[in-house]
Amino acid sequence: MKKPIILGLTVALIVAAIAAGAFWYQSRKDTGLTLYGNVDIRTVNMSFRVGGRLQALQVDEGDAVKAGQTLGELDHVPYENALMQAKANVAAAQAKYDLLVAGYRDEEIAQAAAAVGQAKAAYDYAQNFYQRQQGLWKSRTVSANDLENAKSARDQAQATLKSAQDKLSQYHAGNRPQEIAQAKASLEQAQAQLAQSQLDLQDTTLLAPSDGTILTRAVEPGSMLNAGSTVLTLSLTRPVWVRAYVDESNLNQAQPGRELLLYTDGRPNKPYHGKIGFVSPTAEFTPKTVETPDLRTDLVYRLRIIVTDADDALRQGMPVTVSFGQKDAQGEAHE
């Protein structure tokens, strides 16, 4: 009698266990994984690439700005002066280079040729005079001093002729390649300085890199700024992410590209939509900002969830509930 009772109780317990397991599995399947994270919006510390006196700021904290919008300006007069000087240096270097490439003018060559002819005539006269003096020296008509003077005059005329001939050859050959190369290098250096001056003048205007909202206005007009000093802090409108963490046992559910629902306290019945964009390849200890008690002592993996329908209601650091629920996610997707 006891054996059938025991057997019946055993079967009942097994059936109850199976039913409880099925109920737990079905409820977990319907509910899905829930994580808790925070909104992560990137910010940009904006500054001028050059230094100078801040002339104006066109925006204040809380202002919404568009990409390419002018946010501030430095006093541009010093950079305009530097640009004019750079343009003048380029013009001078260009003129010198063109002069060396073009070589000597026909008038200069003709003048050098005339100088050669004049020097040749002077040499011929000095040579003939020296020869006559030699004949007279043999007959002892002139002194040795007169002969030596004639010889010196001949040598001097010969040197003058050689110098004139060398100058004429130089004029015919043009300038040396090394001189032209040097002039070209000087021109390129001046052009590079001009380009830098133009860029410096352009950098006296601060433009918004993308759409966003001004968070911080760090300085006021009239301040002297060094290059790279933070002037404004911009909160980017896009992209908006949610940073969350998942433990290893649920890591298989956090696949890149999976669509999720994101709930905030301000709109609990109207979720945002997100998509997993990044799963950290390395584990880390649970950060203090994670709110789930089960994860406090475990190693977790960081998730970056891209909010696909973000609006201005999402703020930096705002807590967000991340739902992996299949039914809810599919229902929202179909809507």
Protein backbone atom coordinates (compact mmCIF):
# COMPACT_ATOMS: atom_id res chain seq x y z
CA MET A 1 0.00 0.00 0.00
CA LYS A 2 2.83 2.32 0.82
CA LYS A 3 4.67 1.70 -2.43
CA PRO A 4 1.88 3.00 -4.72
CA ILE A 5 1.52 6.10 -2.52
CA ILE A 6 5.24 6.79 -2.63
CA LEU A 7 5.31 6.20 -6.37
CA GLY A 8 2.38 8.53 -6.87
CA LEU A 9 4.02 11.24 -4.78
CA THR A 10 7.24 10.86 -6.75
CA VAL A 11 5.42 11.18 -10.07
CA ALA A 12 3.54 14.21 -8.77
CA LEU A 13 6.75 15.88 -7.67
CA ILE A 14 8.36 15.20 -11.06
CA VAL A 15 5.35 16.63 -12.89
CA ALA A 16 5.33 19.68 -10.61
CA ALA A 17 9.04 20.24 -11.20
CA ILE A 18 8.60 19.98 -14.95
CA ALA A 19 5.68 22.40 -14.84
CA ALA A 20 7.62 24.87 -12.70
CA GLY A 21 10.59 24.64 -15.02
CA ALA A 22 8.40 25.19 -18.06
CA PHE A 23 6.74 28.15 -16.39
CA TRP A 24 10.13 29.66 -15.43
CA TYR A 25 11.49 29.14 -18.93
CA GLN A 26 8.40 30.60 -20.59
CA SER A 27 8.37 33.59 -18.27
CA ARG A 28 12.08 34.23 -18.82
CA LYS A 29 11.59 33.89 -22.57
CA ASP A 30 8.71 36.35 -22.54
CA THR A 31 10.36 38.84 -20.20
CA GLY A 32 13.86 38.70 -21.66
CA LEU A 33 17.05 40.16 -20.26
CA THR A 34 16.94 43.59 -18.61
CA LEU A 35 20.04 45.75 -18.13
CA TYR A 36 20.57 49.18 -16.67
CA GLY A 37 22.83 51.80 -18.19
CA ASN A 38 23.37 55.49 -18.74
CA VAL A 39 23.11 57.86 -21.69
CA ASP A 40 26.51 58.69 -23.12
CA ILE A 41 26.73 61.83 -25.28
CA ARG A 42 30.10 62.90 -26.63
CA THR A 43 31.39 66.40 -26.06
CA VAL A 44 33.96 68.52 -27.89
CA ASN A 45 36.26 71.04 -26.22
CA MET A 46 36.56 73.71 -28.89
CA SER A 47 39.51 76.06 -29.16
CA PHE A 48 41.32 78.26 -31.66
CA ARG A 49 44.34 76.75 -33.39
CA VAL A 50 46.12 80.10 -33.08
CA GLY A 51 46.50 82.50 -30.18
CA GLY A 52 45.34 86.07 -29.83
CA ARG A 53 42.77 88.37 -28.25
CA LEU A 54 39.20 87.05 -28.24
CA GLN A 55 37.15 89.58 -30.17
CA ALA A 56 33.64 88.09 -30.00
CA LEU A 57 31.56 85.04 -29.08
CA GLN A 58 28.26 84.59 -30.90
CA VAL A 59 26.79 81.85 -28.66
CA ASP A 60 26.06 81.24 -25.00
CA GLU A 61 25.46 78.20 -22.80
CA GLY A 62 22.37 76.27 -23.85
CA ASP A 63 22.34 77.53 -27.45
CA ALA A 64 21.72 74.96 -30.17
CA VAL A 65 24.21 75.25 -33.03
CA LYS A 66 24.53 73.79 -36.52
CA ALA A 67 27.60 72.36 -38.19
CA GLY A 68 29.68 75.14 -39.78
CA GLN A 69 28.08 77.91 -37.71
CA THR A 70 30.41 80.70 -36.57
CA LEU A 71 30.84 80.55 -32.81
CA GLY A 72 33.59 83.08 -32.10
CA GLU A 73 36.37 85.21 -33.57
CA LEU A 74 39.84 86.38 -32.59
CA ASP A 75 41.24 89.79 -33.44
CA HIS A 76 42.35 89.13 -37.01
CA VAL A 77 44.34 92.32 -37.71
CA PRO A 78 47.76 90.85 -36.76
CA TYR A 79 47.12 87.87 -39.01
CA GLU A 80 46.03 90.10 -41.90
CA ASN A 81 49.32 92.02 -41.58
CA ALA A 82 51.28 88.78 -41.55
CA LEU A 83 49.40 87.68 -44.67
CA MET A 84 50.28 90.88 -46.54
CA GLN A 85 53.95 90.47 -45.62
CA ALA A 86 53.89 86.86 -46.80
CA LYS A 87 52.38 87.94 -50.14
CA ALA A 88 55.14 90.53 -50.58
CA ASN A 89 57.82 87.93 -49.82
CA VAL A 90 56.36 85.62 -52.45
CA ALA A 91 56.33 88.41 -55.03
CA ALA A 92 60.00 89.25 -54.34
CA ALA A 93 61.08 85.60 -54.46
CA GLN A 94 59.12 85.04 -57.68
CA ALA A 95 60.75 88.04 -59.35
CA LYS A 96 64.24 86.87 -58.39
CA TYR A 97 63.57 83.37 -59.63
CA ASP A 98 62.15 84.60 -62.95
CA LEU A 99 65.16 86.86 -63.41
CA LEU A 100 67.62 84.02 -62.92
CA VAL A 101 65.68 81.67 -65.21
CA ALA A 102 65.40 84.27 -67.97
CA GLY A 103 69.16 84.95 -67.90
CA TYR A 104 70.81 88.17 -69.12
CA ARG A 105 69.22 90.61 -71.52
CA ASP A 106 70.54 91.20 -75.03
CA GLU A 107 71.53 94.72 -74.03
CA GLU A 108 73.70 93.40 -71.21
CA ILE A 109 75.33 90.85 -73.51
CA ALA A 110 76.02 93.58 -76.10
CA GLN A 111 77.49 95.80 -73.39
CA ALA A 112 79.75 92.95 -72.23
CA ALA A 113 80.84 92.31 -75.82
CA ALA A 114 81.71 95.98 -76.24
CA ALA A 115 83.76 95.83 -73.05
CA VAL A 116 85.65 92.85 -74.49
CA GLY A 117 86.38 94.78 -77.66
CA GLN A 118 87.62 97.78 -75.69
CA ALA A 119 89.79 95.58 -73.51
CA LYS A 120 91.16 93.80 -76.61
CA ALA A 121 92.14 97.12 -78.18
CA ALA A 122 93.86 98.23 -74.99
CA TYR A 123 95.74 94.95 -74.81
CA ASP A 124 96.86 95.12 -78.44
CA TYR A 125 98.19 98.63 -77.88
CA ALA A 126 99.98 97.60 -74.69
CA GLN A 127 101.47 94.54 -76.41
CA ASN A 128 102.76 96.55 -79.38
CA PHE A 129 104.19 99.21 -77.08
CA TYR A 130 105.98 96.55 -75.06
CA GLN A 131 107.46 94.99 -78.18
CA ARG A 132 108.77 98.40 -79.33
CA GLN A 133 110.27 98.97 -75.93
CA GLN A 134 112.05 95.63 -76.22
CA GLY A 135 113.65 96.76 -79.53
CA LEU A 136 114.72 100.04 -78.03
CA TRP A 137 116.11 98.25 -74.97
CA LYS A 138 118.35 96.18 -77.21
CA SER A 139 119.80 99.36 -78.71
CA ARG A 140 120.04 100.83 -75.23
CA THR A 141 117.75 103.67 -76.22
CA VAL A 142 115.40 103.19 -73.22
CA SER A 143 116.17 102.27 -69.70
CA ALA A 144 115.40 98.97 -68.03
CA ASN A 145 112.78 100.77 -65.93
CA ASP A 146 110.88 101.88 -69.06
CA LEU A 147 110.86 98.31 -70.35
CA GLU A 148 109.53 97.00 -67.07
CA ASN A 149 106.74 99.61 -67.05
CA ALA A 150 105.71 98.61 -70.56
CA LYS A 151 105.62 94.97 -69.56
CA SER A 152 103.44 95.74 -66.50
CA ALA A 153 101.03 97.76 -68.63
CA ARG A 154 100.80 94.85 -71.09
CA ASP A 155 100.09 92.33 -68.32
CA GLN A 156 97.45 94.56 -66.78
CA ALA A 157 95.69 95.00 -70.12
CA GLN A 158 95.82 91.24 -70.65
CA ALA A 159 94.17 90.63 -67.27
CA THR A 160 91.47 93.18 -68.04
CA LEU A 161 90.78 91.47 -71.36
CA LYS A 162 90.53 88.07 -69.67
CA SER A 163 88.04 89.44 -67.14
CA ALA A 164 85.87 90.97 -69.86
CA GLN A 165 85.93 87.74 -71.89
CA ASP A 166 84.90 85.69 -68.82
CA LYS A 167 82.01 88.05 -68.11
CA LEU A 168 80.82 87.81 -71.72
CA SER A 169 80.97 83.99 -71.51
CA GLN A 170 78.94 84.11 -68.30
CA TYR A 171 76.30 86.26 -69.97
CA HIS A 172 76.07 83.86 -72.90
CA ALA A 173 75.81 80.80 -70.63
CA GLY A 174 73.25 82.35 -68.30
CA ASN A 175 73.03 81.82 -64.54
CA ARG A 176 74.38 78.71 -62.83
CA PRO A 177 71.90 75.86 -62.12
CA GLN A 178 72.75 76.05 -58.44
CA GLU A 179 71.71 79.69 -58.30
CA ILE A 180 68.42 78.92 -60.04
CA ALA A 181 67.78 75.99 -57.66
CA GLN A 182 68.47 78.21 -54.68
CA ALA A 183 66.08 80.87 -55.97
CA LYS A 184 63.41 78.22 -56.56
CA ALA A 185 63.80 76.88 -53.02
CA SER A 186 63.46 80.42 -51.64
CA LEU A 187 60.28 80.88 -53.69
CA GLU A 188 58.78 77.63 -52.42
CA GLN A 189 59.61 78.60 -48.85
CA ALA A 190 57.88 81.95 -49.31
CA GLN A 191 54.83 80.22 -50.84
CA ALA A 192 54.64 77.82 -47.89
CA GLN A 193 54.74 80.74 -45.48
CA LEU A 194 51.95 82.41 -47.46
CA ALA A 195 49.80 79.27 -47.21
CA GLN A 196 50.42 79.11 -43.46
CA SER A 197 49.51 82.79 -43.07
CA GLN A 198 46.26 82.21 -44.95
CA LEU A 199 45.47 79.23 -42.71
CA ASP A 200 46.29 81.23 -39.56
CA LEU A 201 43.91 83.98 -40.64
CA GLN A 202 41.21 81.39 -41.35
CA ASP A 203 41.75 79.87 -37.91
CA THR A 204 40.83 83.15 -36.20
CA THR A 205 37.20 82.10 -36.80
CA LEU A 206 35.82 79.26 -34.65
CA LEU A 207 33.26 77.06 -36.43
CA ALA A 208 30.99 74.38 -35.00
CA PRO A 209 32.24 70.92 -36.09
CA SER A 210 28.73 69.42 -35.97
CA ASP A 211 25.23 69.96 -34.65
CA GLY A 212 24.98 70.21 -30.88
CA THR A 213 24.31 72.29 -27.78
CA ILE A 214 26.73 74.63 -26.02
CA LEU A 215 27.42 73.26 -22.54
CA THR A 216 30.15 75.61 -21.28
CA ARG A 217 31.37 79.09 -22.19
CA ALA A 218 34.81 79.19 -20.61
CA VAL A 219 36.07 82.68 -21.55
CA GLU A 220 34.75 86.10 -22.45
CA PRO A 221 35.64 88.60 -25.23
CA GLY A 222 38.78 90.57 -24.50
CA SER A 223 40.64 87.59 -23.02
CA MET A 224 44.09 86.78 -24.35
CA LEU A 225 44.13 83.15 -25.45
CA ASN A 226 46.91 80.71 -26.18
CA ALA A 227 46.52 78.30 -29.06
CA GLY A 228 44.50 75.30 -27.91
CA SER A 229 42.86 77.00 -24.90
CA THR A 230 39.30 75.75 -24.40
CA VAL A 231 36.74 78.41 -25.34
CA LEU A 232 33.49 76.44 -25.57
CA THR A 233 32.33 72.92 -24.79
CA LEU A 234 29.88 71.44 -27.28
CA SER A 235 27.56 68.50 -26.61
CA LEU A 236 27.03 66.65 -29.89
CA THR A 237 23.45 66.00 -31.01
CA ARG A 238 24.42 62.79 -32.75
CA PRO A 239 25.36 60.10 -32.05
CA VAL A 240 23.65 59.32 -28.73
CA TRP A 241 24.66 56.08 -27.03
CA VAL A 242 23.72 54.11 -23.96
CA ARG A 243 26.53 52.52 -21.98
CA ALA A 244 25.46 49.27 -20.29
CA TYR A 245 27.12 46.12 -18.93
CA VAL A 246 26.20 42.46 -19.32
CA ASP A 247 27.52 39.43 -17.44
CA GLU A 248 29.11 36.45 -19.14
CA SER A 249 26.10 34.17 -18.70
CA ASN A 250 23.98 36.53 -20.83
CA LEU A 251 26.73 37.61 -23.20
CA ASN A 252 25.34 35.45 -26.02
CA GLN A 253 22.23 37.66 -26.10
CA ALA A 254 24.25 40.82 -26.65
CA GLN A 255 25.13 40.44 -30.31
CA PRO A 256 26.13 43.50 -32.39
CA GLY A 257 23.22 44.69 -34.49
CA ARG A 258 20.52 43.40 -32.14
CA GLU A 259 17.64 45.82 -31.71
CA LEU A 260 16.55 46.75 -28.17
CA LEU A 261 14.06 48.92 -26.31
CA LEU A 262 15.27 51.69 -24.03
CA TYR A 263 13.10 53.07 -21.22
CA THR A 264 13.62 56.23 -19.20
CA ASP A 265 11.84 57.32 -16.03
CA GLY A 266 10.32 60.29 -17.85
CA ARG A 267 8.55 58.16 -20.47
CA PRO A 268 8.15 54.61 -19.09
CA ASN A 269 5.46 53.64 -21.59
CA LYS A 270 7.10 55.04 -24.70
CA PRO A 271 10.49 53.42 -25.23
CA TYR A 272 13.32 54.60 -27.43
CA HIS A 273 14.76 52.18 -29.95
CA GLY A 274 18.37 51.15 -29.98
CA LYS A 275 20.81 48.80 -31.62
CA ILE A 276 23.91 47.21 -30.14
CA GLY A 277 26.87 48.73 -31.92
CA PHE A 278 29.79 47.48 -29.86
CA VAL A 279 30.52 44.71 -27.34
CA SER A 280 33.79 44.99 -25.47
CA PRO A 281 36.15 42.07 -26.19
CA THR A 282 37.55 42.19 -22.66
CA ALA A 283 35.88 41.74 -19.28
CA GLU A 284 36.06 44.25 -16.46
CA PHE A 285 34.85 44.54 -12.90
CA THR A 286 31.35 45.88 -12.48
CA PRO A 287 31.46 49.68 -12.23
CA LYS A 288 29.76 51.37 -9.30
CA THR A 289 27.19 53.01 -11.57
CA VAL A 290 25.65 49.67 -12.56
CA GLU A 291 22.45 49.31 -10.56
CA THR A 292 21.62 45.60 -10.79
CA PRO A 293 22.48 43.77 -7.55
CA ASP A 294 23.31 40.50 -9.34
CA LEU A 295 26.21 42.07 -11.22
CA ARG A 296 28.00 43.85 -8.39
CA THR A 297 30.65 41.20 -7.79
CA ASP A 298 30.90 39.72 -11.29
CA LEU A 299 33.02 40.45 -14.31
CA VAL A 300 30.98 42.15 -17.01
CA TYR A 301 31.32 43.26 -20.62
CA ARG A 302 30.64 46.79 -21.72
CA LEU A 303 27.98 47.43 -24.37
CA ARG A 304 27.54 50.47 -26.54
CA ILE A 305 23.93 50.77 -27.68
CA ILE A 306 23.22 53.30 -30.43
CA VAL A 307 19.92 55.14 -29.92
CA THR A 308 18.30 55.27 -33.36
CA ASP A 309 15.48 57.69 -32.49
CA ALA A 310 17.16 59.95 -29.94
CA ASP A 311 15.69 63.36 -29.14
CA ASP A 312 16.52 66.30 -26.90
CA ALA A 313 14.98 64.58 -23.87
CA LEU A 314 17.99 62.27 -23.56
CA ARG A 315 20.66 63.92 -21.43
CA GLN A 316 24.22 63.03 -20.54
CA GLY A 317 24.33 60.44 -17.72
CA MET A 318 20.56 59.83 -17.65
CA PRO A 319 19.73 56.32 -16.33
CA VAL A 320 18.16 54.02 -18.91
CA THR A 321 16.55 50.57 -18.66
CA VAL A 322 17.56 48.30 -21.53
CA SER A 323 15.02 45.62 -22.44
CA PHE A 324 15.93 42.51 -24.45
CA GLY A 325 12.32 41.28 -24.31
CA GLN A 326 11.44 39.54 -27.59
CA LYS A 327 7.70 40.22 -27.60
CA ASP A 328 7.98 43.87 -26.68
CA ALA A 329 10.82 44.50 -29.10
CA GLN A 330 9.00 42.83 -31.96
CA GLY A 331 5.78 44.59 -31.17
CA GLU A 332 7.43 47.98 -31.11
CA ALA A 333 9.32 47.20 -34.31
CA HIS A 334 6.07 46.31 -36.11
CA GLU A 335 4.49 49.53 -34.93
